[in-house]
Amino acid sequence: MTGALIVFAREPFAGKVKTRLAADIGGHRAADIYAQLLSRTLDLVERSQFRMRYMFVADTDETDYFAARLVAKTWQIRTQCQGDIGQRMHHAIESVLPHHDFVVLIGSDIADCEIADLDQAWTSLSDAINTAVVGPSVDGGYWLIGLREPQANIFHDMPWSTGRVFRTTVSRMEELGLEVCCLAPRHDIDVVEDLRHLA
């Protein structure tokens, strides 16, 4: 099986990342926290069994930052398309899937995800053709999604940034006849109250 892992990330530049958190603690401190989360995410990915890795950056001018930090032989760097988060995730998955049996996409700001989560996603997608994987976040969204085929319906007209995203996503997957594997809930860091979950 060939599985690929996509990371959505931004350059940790003050004023561009974690703006809700920055409103309470300042842009530079918020960027420092995001840089730590990003570093932790990349370390987990590089120690996982995913050998094909794609970094999808938010803006083209962030490419150089990641090119200087990632090993070119094990990462491909691409730019996210325009549109809402659903359009960007669907485009990334759709562009990578033709080259692999399955794709897992994760964010870069999760405080407590583990290699075991990535391994579980790999195993679930390897074992059954009609499977999807979702890693719920505690705020009602999700931090990981894994698919074997592009599924535009899962991303279209979704109530993003609400507590209904995870439930709606699972419901849509089940309507498509997919067997859904749900991972352990994890914490993303968006507001100052989330900082207590940082290791």
N, C-alpha and C. Protein backbone atom coordinates (compact mmCIF):
# COMPACT_ATOMS: atom_id res chain seq x y z
N MET A 1 0.84 -1.19 0.00
CA MET A 1 0.00 0.00 0.00
C MET A 1 0.88 1.25 0.00
N THR A 2 0.45 2.27 -0.71
CA THR A 2 1.14 3.55 -0.65
C THR A 2 0.18 4.59 -0.08
N GLY A 3 0.53 5.07 1.08
CA GLY A 3 -0.26 6.10 1.72
C GLY A 3 0.54 7.39 1.81
N ALA A 4 -0.14 8.50 1.64
CA ALA A 4 0.52 9.80 1.70
C ALA A 4 -0.10 10.62 2.83
N LEU A 5 0.71 11.51 3.38
CA LEU A 5 0.23 12.38 4.44
C LEU A 5 0.43 13.83 4.03
N ILE A 6 -0.64 14.60 4.14
CA ILE A 6 -0.63 16.03 3.83
C ILE A 6 -0.67 16.82 5.13
N VAL A 7 0.19 17.83 5.23
CA VAL A 7 0.13 18.76 6.36
C VAL A 7 -0.24 20.13 5.81
N PHE A 8 -1.26 20.74 6.40
CA PHE A 8 -1.59 22.13 6.11
C PHE A 8 -0.87 23.02 7.14
N ALA A 9 -0.12 23.99 6.66
CA ALA A 9 0.65 24.81 7.59
C ALA A 9 0.87 26.20 7.04
N ARG A 10 1.27 27.08 7.93
CA ARG A 10 1.67 28.43 7.58
C ARG A 10 3.05 28.70 8.18
N GLU A 11 3.76 29.64 7.60
CA GLU A 11 4.99 30.12 8.23
C GLU A 11 4.62 30.80 9.55
N PRO A 12 5.31 30.48 10.65
CA PRO A 12 4.95 31.04 11.96
C PRO A 12 5.39 32.49 12.11
N PHE A 13 4.70 33.37 11.42
CA PHE A 13 5.04 34.79 11.38
C PHE A 13 4.00 35.57 12.17
N ALA A 14 4.45 36.42 13.06
CA ALA A 14 3.53 37.19 13.91
C ALA A 14 2.55 37.99 13.05
N GLY A 15 1.28 37.89 13.39
CA GLY A 15 0.25 38.59 12.66
C GLY A 15 -0.41 37.76 11.59
N LYS A 16 0.21 36.61 11.22
CA LYS A 16 -0.35 35.74 10.18
C LYS A 16 -0.91 34.45 10.74
N VAL A 17 -0.51 34.08 11.95
CA VAL A 17 -0.95 32.80 12.52
C VAL A 17 -1.62 33.04 13.88
N LYS A 18 -2.57 32.18 14.20
CA LYS A 18 -3.21 32.18 15.51
C LYS A 18 -3.69 33.58 15.92
N THR A 19 -4.47 34.20 15.05
CA THR A 19 -4.89 35.57 15.30
C THR A 19 -5.85 35.69 16.49
N ARG A 20 -6.69 34.67 16.70
CA ARG A 20 -7.59 34.73 17.87
C ARG A 20 -6.78 34.62 19.16
N LEU A 21 -5.79 33.75 19.17
CA LEU A 21 -4.92 33.63 20.33
C LEU A 21 -4.11 34.91 20.52
N ALA A 22 -3.64 35.47 19.41
CA ALA A 22 -2.82 36.68 19.47
C ALA A 22 -3.58 37.85 20.06
N ALA A 23 -4.90 37.86 19.90
CA ALA A 23 -5.70 38.96 20.46
C ALA A 23 -5.56 39.02 21.98
N ASP A 24 -5.26 37.88 22.60
CA ASP A 24 -5.14 37.83 24.06
C ASP A 24 -3.70 37.86 24.55
N ILE A 25 -2.78 37.28 23.79
CA ILE A 25 -1.41 37.14 24.31
C ILE A 25 -0.37 37.86 23.46
N GLY A 26 -0.80 38.46 22.36
CA GLY A 26 0.14 39.17 21.49
C GLY A 26 0.59 38.32 20.32
N GLY A 27 0.87 38.99 19.22
CA GLY A 27 1.21 38.29 17.99
C GLY A 27 2.49 37.48 18.05
N HIS A 28 3.52 38.01 18.70
CA HIS A 28 4.80 37.31 18.73
C HIS A 28 4.72 36.06 19.59
N ARG A 29 4.05 36.16 20.73
CA ARG A 29 3.93 34.97 21.58
C ARG A 29 3.07 33.92 20.89
N ALA A 30 2.00 34.35 20.24
CA ALA A 30 1.15 33.40 19.53
C ALA A 30 1.92 32.72 18.41
N ALA A 31 2.76 33.46 17.71
CA ALA A 31 3.56 32.87 16.64
C ALA A 31 4.58 31.89 17.20
N ASP A 32 5.15 32.19 18.37
CA ASP A 32 6.09 31.27 19.01
C ASP A 32 5.40 29.95 19.38
N ILE A 33 4.19 30.06 19.90
CA ILE A 33 3.44 28.85 20.27
C ILE A 33 3.13 28.04 19.02
N TYR A 34 2.70 28.71 17.97
CA TYR A 34 2.40 27.99 16.73
C TYR A 34 3.66 27.33 16.17
N ALA A 35 4.81 28.00 16.26
CA ALA A 35 6.06 27.41 15.79
C ALA A 35 6.37 26.12 16.54
N GLN A 36 6.11 26.12 17.85
CA GLN A 36 6.33 24.90 18.64
C GLN A 36 5.38 23.78 18.21
N LEU A 37 4.11 24.14 17.99
CA LEU A 37 3.14 23.14 17.55
C LEU A 37 3.52 22.58 16.17
N LEU A 38 3.93 23.46 15.28
CA LEU A 38 4.34 23.04 13.95
C LEU A 38 5.54 22.11 14.02
N SER A 39 6.53 22.47 14.82
CA SER A 39 7.72 21.63 14.97
C SER A 39 7.35 20.26 15.51
N ARG A 40 6.46 20.22 16.49
CA ARG A 40 6.02 18.95 17.05
C ARG A 40 5.30 18.10 16.00
N THR A 41 4.46 18.74 15.21
CA THR A 41 3.72 18.01 14.17
C THR A 41 4.67 17.41 13.15
N LEU A 42 5.63 18.19 12.69
CA LEU A 42 6.57 17.69 11.69
C LEU A 42 7.41 16.55 12.24
N ASP A 43 7.79 16.64 13.51
CA ASP A 43 8.54 15.56 14.13
C ASP A 43 7.73 14.27 14.17
N LEU A 44 6.44 14.37 14.54
CA LEU A 44 5.59 13.19 14.56
C LEU A 44 5.45 12.58 13.17
N VAL A 45 5.22 13.43 12.19
CA VAL A 45 5.05 12.94 10.82
C VAL A 45 6.30 12.22 10.35
N GLU A 46 7.46 12.79 10.63
CA GLU A 46 8.70 12.20 10.15
C GLU A 46 9.07 10.92 10.88
N ARG A 47 8.47 10.69 12.05
CA ARG A 47 8.69 9.43 12.76
C ARG A 47 7.58 8.42 12.52
N SER A 48 6.58 8.79 11.73
CA SER A 48 5.47 7.89 11.42
C SER A 48 5.85 6.99 10.24
N GLN A 49 4.95 6.08 9.89
CA GLN A 49 5.23 5.18 8.77
C GLN A 49 4.89 5.80 7.42
N PHE A 50 4.38 7.04 7.42
CA PHE A 50 4.13 7.72 6.15
C PHE A 50 5.47 8.20 5.58
N ARG A 51 5.80 7.69 4.41
CA ARG A 51 7.06 8.08 3.76
C ARG A 51 6.84 9.10 2.64
N MET A 52 5.62 9.21 2.16
CA MET A 52 5.28 10.22 1.16
C MET A 52 4.56 11.35 1.87
N ARG A 53 5.18 12.52 1.89
CA ARG A 53 4.68 13.63 2.70
C ARG A 53 4.56 14.89 1.84
N TYR A 54 3.46 15.57 2.04
CA TYR A 54 3.19 16.79 1.28
C TYR A 54 2.91 17.93 2.26
N MET A 55 3.64 19.02 2.10
CA MET A 55 3.39 20.22 2.86
C MET A 55 2.61 21.19 1.96
N PHE A 56 1.38 21.48 2.32
CA PHE A 56 0.58 22.46 1.59
C PHE A 56 0.60 23.76 2.39
N VAL A 57 1.29 24.75 1.85
CA VAL A 57 1.42 26.03 2.54
C VAL A 57 0.27 26.94 2.14
N ALA A 58 -0.02 27.93 3.00
CA ALA A 58 -1.16 28.80 2.76
C ALA A 58 -0.90 29.78 1.62
N ASP A 59 0.34 30.26 1.51
CA ASP A 59 0.68 31.26 0.49
C ASP A 59 1.98 30.86 -0.20
N THR A 60 2.08 31.22 -1.47
CA THR A 60 3.27 30.86 -2.25
C THR A 60 4.54 31.42 -1.62
N ASP A 61 4.47 32.62 -1.02
CA ASP A 61 5.68 33.22 -0.46
C ASP A 61 6.17 32.53 0.80
N GLU A 62 5.45 31.49 1.28
CA GLU A 62 5.90 30.72 2.43
C GLU A 62 6.71 29.49 2.02
N THR A 63 6.80 29.24 0.73
CA THR A 63 7.46 28.03 0.24
C THR A 63 8.92 27.98 0.68
N ASP A 64 9.62 29.08 0.56
CA ASP A 64 11.05 29.09 0.89
C ASP A 64 11.29 28.74 2.35
N TYR A 65 10.42 29.22 3.24
CA TYR A 65 10.58 28.92 4.67
C TYR A 65 10.59 27.42 4.90
N PHE A 66 9.65 26.72 4.28
CA PHE A 66 9.56 25.27 4.50
C PHE A 66 10.62 24.51 3.70
N ALA A 67 10.96 25.00 2.53
CA ALA A 67 11.99 24.34 1.73
C ALA A 67 13.32 24.31 2.46
N ALA A 68 13.58 25.31 3.28
CA ALA A 68 14.84 25.37 4.03
C ALA A 68 14.83 24.46 5.24
N ARG A 69 13.67 23.93 5.60
CA ARG A 69 13.56 23.15 6.85
C ARG A 69 13.16 21.70 6.63
N LEU A 70 12.68 21.36 5.45
CA LEU A 70 12.23 20.01 5.18
C LEU A 70 13.19 19.31 4.23
N VAL A 71 13.34 18.01 4.41
CA VAL A 71 14.22 17.22 3.55
C VAL A 71 13.51 16.99 2.21
N ALA A 72 14.10 17.50 1.15
CA ALA A 72 13.44 17.48 -0.16
C ALA A 72 13.09 16.07 -0.63
N LYS A 73 13.89 15.09 -0.26
CA LYS A 73 13.63 13.73 -0.73
C LYS A 73 12.40 13.11 -0.09
N THR A 74 11.98 13.63 1.06
CA THR A 74 10.85 13.02 1.76
C THR A 74 9.63 13.92 1.84
N TRP A 75 9.74 15.16 1.35
CA TRP A 75 8.62 16.09 1.35
C TRP A 75 8.46 16.72 -0.02
N GLN A 76 7.22 16.94 -0.41
CA GLN A 76 6.91 17.81 -1.55
C GLN A 76 6.14 19.01 -1.01
N ILE A 77 6.52 20.20 -1.46
CA ILE A 77 5.89 21.42 -0.98
C ILE A 77 4.99 21.98 -2.08
N ARG A 78 3.75 22.21 -1.72
CA ARG A 78 2.77 22.76 -2.66
C ARG A 78 2.01 23.90 -1.98
N THR A 79 1.27 24.64 -2.78
CA THR A 79 0.50 25.77 -2.26
C THR A 79 -0.98 25.44 -2.29
N GLN A 80 -1.67 25.79 -1.22
CA GLN A 80 -3.11 25.57 -1.16
C GLN A 80 -3.81 26.44 -2.21
N CYS A 81 -4.93 25.96 -2.71
CA CYS A 81 -5.72 26.73 -3.65
C CYS A 81 -6.47 27.83 -2.90
N GLN A 82 -7.14 28.70 -3.64
CA GLN A 82 -7.99 29.72 -3.04
C GLN A 82 -9.31 29.10 -2.60
N GLY A 83 -9.99 29.76 -1.68
CA GLY A 83 -11.30 29.26 -1.25
C GLY A 83 -11.33 29.02 0.24
N ASP A 84 -12.48 28.53 0.72
CA ASP A 84 -12.59 28.24 2.15
C ASP A 84 -11.81 26.98 2.49
N ILE A 85 -11.77 26.65 3.76
CA ILE A 85 -10.94 25.52 4.19
C ILE A 85 -11.40 24.21 3.55
N GLY A 86 -12.70 24.07 3.32
CA GLY A 86 -13.20 22.87 2.67
C GLY A 86 -12.72 22.74 1.24
N GLN A 87 -12.77 23.82 0.50
CA GLN A 87 -12.29 23.80 -0.88
C GLN A 87 -10.80 23.50 -0.93
N ARG A 88 -10.06 24.06 0.01
CA ARG A 88 -8.61 23.86 0.01
C ARG A 88 -8.25 22.42 0.38
N MET A 89 -8.96 21.84 1.36
CA MET A 89 -8.68 20.45 1.72
C MET A 89 -9.07 19.50 0.59
N HIS A 90 -10.23 19.72 0.00
CA HIS A 90 -10.65 18.85 -1.09
C HIS A 90 -9.67 18.92 -2.26
N HIS A 91 -9.22 20.12 -2.60
CA HIS A 91 -8.28 20.26 -3.71
C HIS A 91 -6.97 19.54 -3.41
N ALA A 92 -6.46 19.69 -2.18
CA ALA A 92 -5.20 19.04 -1.83
C ALA A 92 -5.33 17.52 -1.92
N ILE A 93 -6.39 16.97 -1.33
CA ILE A 93 -6.60 15.52 -1.36
C ILE A 93 -6.79 15.03 -2.78
N GLU A 94 -7.59 15.75 -3.55
CA GLU A 94 -7.86 15.34 -4.93
C GLU A 94 -6.60 15.36 -5.78
N SER A 95 -5.69 16.29 -5.51
CA SER A 95 -4.47 16.39 -6.31
C SER A 95 -3.44 15.34 -5.95
N VAL A 96 -3.48 14.84 -4.72
CA VAL A 96 -2.49 13.87 -4.27
C VAL A 96 -2.97 12.42 -4.46
N LEU A 97 -4.26 12.17 -4.33
CA LEU A 97 -4.78 10.80 -4.34
C LEU A 97 -4.47 10.00 -5.61
N PRO A 98 -4.42 10.60 -6.79
CA PRO A 98 -4.12 9.78 -7.97
C PRO A 98 -2.80 9.03 -7.90
N HIS A 99 -1.91 9.46 -7.02
CA HIS A 99 -0.58 8.85 -6.93
C HIS A 99 -0.45 7.88 -5.76
N HIS A 100 -1.52 7.71 -4.99
CA HIS A 100 -1.44 6.88 -3.79
C HIS A 100 -2.75 6.13 -3.57
N ASP A 101 -2.70 5.10 -2.74
CA ASP A 101 -3.90 4.33 -2.42
C ASP A 101 -4.81 5.09 -1.47
N PHE A 102 -4.23 5.88 -0.60
CA PHE A 102 -5.02 6.68 0.33
C PHE A 102 -4.21 7.88 0.78
N VAL A 103 -4.93 8.88 1.29
CA VAL A 103 -4.31 10.12 1.75
C VAL A 103 -4.89 10.50 3.10
N VAL A 104 -4.03 10.95 3.99
CA VAL A 104 -4.42 11.50 5.28
C VAL A 104 -3.98 12.96 5.32
N LEU A 105 -4.87 13.83 5.76
CA LEU A 105 -4.57 15.26 5.87
C LEU A 105 -4.71 15.68 7.32
N ILE A 106 -3.72 16.42 7.80
CA ILE A 106 -3.77 16.90 9.19
C ILE A 106 -3.44 18.39 9.24
N GLY A 107 -3.86 19.02 10.34
CA GLY A 107 -3.45 20.38 10.62
C GLY A 107 -2.12 20.39 11.33
N SER A 108 -1.65 21.59 11.65
CA SER A 108 -0.32 21.71 12.25
C SER A 108 -0.36 22.36 13.62
N ASP A 109 -1.54 22.42 14.23
CA ASP A 109 -1.66 23.13 15.51
C ASP A 109 -2.31 22.28 16.60
N ILE A 110 -2.10 20.96 16.53
CA ILE A 110 -2.70 20.05 17.50
C ILE A 110 -1.71 19.81 18.64
N ALA A 111 -2.18 19.99 19.87
CA ALA A 111 -1.28 19.94 21.01
C ALA A 111 -0.93 18.52 21.46
N ASP A 112 -1.82 17.56 21.21
CA ASP A 112 -1.66 16.26 21.85
C ASP A 112 -1.85 15.05 20.94
N CYS A 113 -1.75 15.24 19.62
CA CYS A 113 -1.81 14.07 18.74
C CYS A 113 -0.55 13.23 18.93
N GLU A 114 -0.64 11.96 18.57
CA GLU A 114 0.46 11.02 18.79
C GLU A 114 0.74 10.23 17.52
N ILE A 115 1.93 9.64 17.47
CA ILE A 115 2.26 8.77 16.33
C ILE A 115 1.24 7.64 16.22
N ALA A 116 0.76 7.15 17.35
CA ALA A 116 -0.23 6.07 17.33
C ALA A 116 -1.49 6.47 16.57
N ASP A 117 -1.85 7.76 16.61
CA ASP A 117 -3.01 8.22 15.85
C ASP A 117 -2.76 8.07 14.35
N LEU A 118 -1.58 8.47 13.91
CA LEU A 118 -1.24 8.35 12.50
C LEU A 118 -1.16 6.90 12.08
N ASP A 119 -0.61 6.05 12.95
CA ASP A 119 -0.52 4.62 12.64
C ASP A 119 -1.91 4.00 12.54
N GLN A 120 -2.83 4.44 13.41
CA GLN A 120 -4.19 3.90 13.36
C GLN A 120 -4.88 4.32 12.05
N ALA A 121 -4.66 5.55 11.63
CA ALA A 121 -5.24 6.00 10.36
C ALA A 121 -4.69 5.18 9.21
N TRP A 122 -3.38 4.94 9.22
CA TRP A 122 -2.75 4.12 8.17
C TRP A 122 -3.38 2.73 8.13
N THR A 123 -3.46 2.09 9.29
CA THR A 123 -3.98 0.72 9.37
C THR A 123 -5.43 0.65 8.90
N SER A 124 -6.25 1.58 9.32
CA SER A 124 -7.66 1.56 8.95
C SER A 124 -7.84 1.73 7.45
N LEU A 125 -7.11 2.63 6.85
CA LEU A 125 -7.23 2.86 5.41
C LEU A 125 -6.59 1.76 4.59
N SER A 126 -5.61 1.08 5.16
CA SER A 126 -4.97 -0.04 4.46
C SER A 126 -5.84 -1.29 4.44
N ASP A 127 -6.60 -1.48 5.52
CA ASP A 127 -7.31 -2.75 5.71
C ASP A 127 -8.60 -2.87 4.92
N ALA A 128 -9.24 -1.76 4.59
CA ALA A 128 -10.56 -1.83 3.95
C ALA A 128 -10.68 -0.73 2.90
N ILE A 129 -11.21 -1.09 1.75
CA ILE A 129 -11.33 -0.14 0.65
C ILE A 129 -12.38 0.93 0.95
N ASN A 130 -13.45 0.54 1.60
CA ASN A 130 -14.60 1.43 1.79
C ASN A 130 -14.54 2.15 3.14
N THR A 131 -13.37 2.72 3.44
CA THR A 131 -13.15 3.28 4.77
C THR A 131 -12.75 4.75 4.68
N ALA A 132 -13.16 5.50 5.69
CA ALA A 132 -12.68 6.87 5.89
C ALA A 132 -12.27 7.00 7.35
N VAL A 133 -11.37 7.92 7.62
CA VAL A 133 -10.87 8.14 8.98
C VAL A 133 -11.05 9.60 9.34
N VAL A 134 -11.49 9.85 10.56
CA VAL A 134 -11.61 11.22 11.05
C VAL A 134 -11.06 11.28 12.47
N GLY A 135 -10.25 12.30 12.73
CA GLY A 135 -9.76 12.56 14.08
C GLY A 135 -10.48 13.77 14.63
N PRO A 136 -11.43 13.60 15.54
CA PRO A 136 -12.19 14.74 16.05
C PRO A 136 -11.35 15.64 16.96
N SER A 137 -11.63 16.92 16.89
CA SER A 137 -11.06 17.84 17.86
C SER A 137 -12.11 18.14 18.92
N VAL A 138 -11.67 18.48 20.10
CA VAL A 138 -12.57 18.63 21.24
C VAL A 138 -13.58 19.76 21.02
N ASP A 139 -13.24 20.73 20.16
CA ASP A 139 -14.14 21.85 19.94
C ASP A 139 -15.25 21.55 18.93
N GLY A 140 -15.32 20.30 18.45
CA GLY A 140 -16.39 19.92 17.53
C GLY A 140 -15.98 19.86 16.08
N GLY A 141 -14.76 20.23 15.78
CA GLY A 141 -14.24 20.10 14.43
C GLY A 141 -13.46 18.80 14.28
N TYR A 142 -12.49 18.79 13.38
CA TYR A 142 -11.60 17.63 13.29
C TYR A 142 -10.21 18.08 12.92
N TRP A 143 -9.23 17.28 13.34
CA TRP A 143 -7.83 17.62 13.10
C TRP A 143 -7.19 16.71 12.06
N LEU A 144 -7.85 15.62 11.72
CA LEU A 144 -7.33 14.67 10.73
C LEU A 144 -8.49 14.13 9.92
N ILE A 145 -8.26 13.95 8.62
CA ILE A 145 -9.22 13.27 7.77
C ILE A 145 -8.44 12.40 6.79
N GLY A 146 -8.92 11.18 6.59
CA GLY A 146 -8.25 10.25 5.68
C GLY A 146 -9.25 9.63 4.73
N LEU A 147 -8.90 9.59 3.45
CA LEU A 147 -9.80 9.09 2.41
C LEU A 147 -9.04 8.24 1.40
N ARG A 148 -9.80 7.36 0.75
CA ARG A 148 -9.25 6.56 -0.34
C ARG A 148 -9.70 7.08 -1.70
N GLU A 149 -10.72 7.91 -1.72
CA GLU A 149 -11.21 8.53 -2.95
C GLU A 149 -11.60 9.98 -2.65
N PRO A 150 -11.49 10.87 -3.64
CA PRO A 150 -11.96 12.25 -3.41
C PRO A 150 -13.46 12.25 -3.13
N GLN A 151 -13.87 13.03 -2.18
CA GLN A 151 -15.29 13.10 -1.80
C GLN A 151 -15.65 14.57 -1.60
N ALA A 152 -16.01 15.23 -2.68
CA ALA A 152 -16.30 16.67 -2.60
C ALA A 152 -17.44 16.97 -1.65
N ASN A 153 -18.43 16.08 -1.56
CA ASN A 153 -19.60 16.30 -0.70
C ASN A 153 -19.24 16.50 0.76
N ILE A 154 -18.14 15.88 1.17
CA ILE A 154 -17.73 15.95 2.58
C ILE A 154 -17.26 17.36 2.95
N PHE A 155 -16.84 18.12 1.96
CA PHE A 155 -16.25 19.44 2.23
C PHE A 155 -17.12 20.61 1.79
N HIS A 156 -18.14 20.33 0.97
CA HIS A 156 -18.94 21.42 0.40
C HIS A 156 -20.02 21.90 1.38
N ASP A 157 -20.15 23.22 1.49
CA ASP A 157 -21.22 23.83 2.29
C ASP A 157 -21.24 23.28 3.71
N MET A 158 -20.08 23.23 4.31
CA MET A 158 -19.93 22.73 5.68
C MET A 158 -19.96 23.91 6.65
N PRO A 159 -20.56 23.75 7.83
CA PRO A 159 -20.58 24.84 8.80
C PRO A 159 -19.24 24.99 9.52
N TRP A 160 -18.23 25.42 8.77
CA TRP A 160 -16.88 25.52 9.32
C TRP A 160 -16.85 26.45 10.53
N SER A 161 -15.91 26.19 11.43
CA SER A 161 -15.71 26.98 12.66
C SER A 161 -16.91 26.91 13.59
N THR A 162 -17.63 25.80 13.54
CA THR A 162 -18.71 25.57 14.50
C THR A 162 -18.50 24.20 15.14
N GLY A 163 -19.26 23.93 16.17
CA GLY A 163 -19.17 22.64 16.85
C GLY A 163 -19.89 21.52 16.13
N ARG A 164 -20.40 21.78 14.92
CA ARG A 164 -21.15 20.76 14.17
C ARG A 164 -20.32 20.10 13.07
N VAL A 165 -19.08 20.55 12.89
CA VAL A 165 -18.29 20.09 11.75
C VAL A 165 -18.03 18.58 11.80
N PHE A 166 -17.57 18.09 12.94
CA PHE A 166 -17.26 16.66 13.05
C PHE A 166 -18.50 15.81 12.82
N ARG A 167 -19.59 16.12 13.52
CA ARG A 167 -20.82 15.32 13.40
C ARG A 167 -21.35 15.34 11.96
N THR A 168 -21.33 16.50 11.34
CA THR A 168 -21.82 16.62 9.96
C THR A 168 -20.94 15.83 9.01
N THR A 169 -19.63 15.87 9.23
CA THR A 169 -18.70 15.14 8.36
C THR A 169 -18.93 13.64 8.46
N VAL A 170 -19.06 13.12 9.67
CA VAL A 170 -19.30 11.69 9.84
C VAL A 170 -20.63 11.29 9.21
N SER A 171 -21.65 12.11 9.38
CA SER A 171 -22.96 11.82 8.79
C SER A 171 -22.87 11.76 7.27
N ARG A 172 -22.15 12.67 6.67
CA ARG A 172 -22.01 12.67 5.22
C ARG A 172 -21.21 11.46 4.74
N MET A 173 -20.19 11.09 5.49
CA MET A 173 -19.42 9.90 5.12
C MET A 173 -20.30 8.66 5.16
N GLU A 174 -21.11 8.53 6.18
CA GLU A 174 -22.00 7.37 6.30
C GLU A 174 -23.04 7.37 5.19
N GLU A 175 -23.53 8.54 4.79
CA GLU A 175 -24.48 8.62 3.68
C GLU A 175 -23.85 8.14 2.37
N LEU A 176 -22.54 8.30 2.26
CA LEU A 176 -21.81 7.83 1.08
C LEU A 176 -21.49 6.34 1.15
N GLY A 177 -21.89 5.70 2.24
CA GLY A 177 -21.64 4.28 2.41
C GLY A 177 -20.26 3.94 2.91
N LEU A 178 -19.58 4.92 3.48
CA LEU A 178 -18.24 4.69 3.99
C LEU A 178 -18.29 4.19 5.43
N GLU A 179 -17.39 3.28 5.74
CA GLU A 179 -17.21 2.85 7.12
C GLU A 179 -16.24 3.83 7.78
N VAL A 180 -16.69 4.49 8.84
CA VAL A 180 -15.92 5.58 9.44
C VAL A 180 -15.16 5.10 10.66
N CYS A 181 -13.86 5.32 10.65
CA CYS A 181 -13.02 5.06 11.82
C CYS A 181 -12.73 6.40 12.49
N CYS A 182 -13.14 6.53 13.75
CA CYS A 182 -12.92 7.77 14.50
C CYS A 182 -11.74 7.59 15.46
N LEU A 183 -10.80 8.49 15.38
CA LEU A 183 -9.65 8.46 16.27
C LEU A 183 -9.98 9.13 17.60
N ALA A 184 -9.02 9.17 18.50
CA ALA A 184 -9.21 9.82 19.78
C ALA A 184 -9.36 11.33 19.61
N PRO A 185 -10.24 11.96 20.38
CA PRO A 185 -10.35 13.42 20.32
C PRO A 185 -9.04 14.09 20.76
N ARG A 186 -8.68 15.16 20.05
CA ARG A 186 -7.47 15.91 20.37
C ARG A 186 -7.78 17.40 20.46
N HIS A 187 -6.83 18.16 20.95
CA HIS A 187 -7.03 19.59 21.19
C HIS A 187 -6.22 20.42 20.21
N ASP A 188 -6.91 21.28 19.46
CA ASP A 188 -6.17 22.28 18.70
C ASP A 188 -6.11 23.56 19.53
N ILE A 189 -5.15 24.39 19.21
CA ILE A 189 -4.90 25.59 20.02
C ILE A 189 -5.35 26.81 19.22
N ASP A 190 -6.50 27.35 19.61
CA ASP A 190 -7.06 28.50 18.91
C ASP A 190 -7.21 29.73 19.79
N VAL A 191 -7.56 29.51 21.05
CA VAL A 191 -7.80 30.63 21.97
C VAL A 191 -7.02 30.38 23.25
N VAL A 192 -6.96 31.40 24.10
CA VAL A 192 -6.09 31.33 25.27
C VAL A 192 -6.49 30.19 26.21
N GLU A 193 -7.77 29.86 26.28
CA GLU A 193 -8.21 28.76 27.14
C GLU A 193 -7.63 27.42 26.71
N ASP A 194 -7.25 27.31 25.44
CA ASP A 194 -6.71 26.04 24.94
C ASP A 194 -5.27 25.79 25.40
N LEU A 195 -4.60 26.82 25.90
CA LEU A 195 -3.18 26.68 26.23
C LEU A 195 -2.92 25.67 27.33
N ARG A 196 -3.93 25.40 28.16
CA ARG A 196 -3.73 24.43 29.24
C ARG A 196 -3.47 23.02 28.71
N HIS A 197 -3.78 22.79 27.45
CA HIS A 197 -3.59 21.46 26.89
C HIS A 197 -2.19 21.28 26.30
N LEU A 198 -1.40 22.35 26.28
CA LEU A 198 -0.04 22.23 25.77
C LEU A 198 0.80 21.38 26.70
N ALA A 199 1.58 20.48 26.12
CA ALA A 199 2.49 19.65 26.93
C ALA A 199 3.57 20.54 27.53
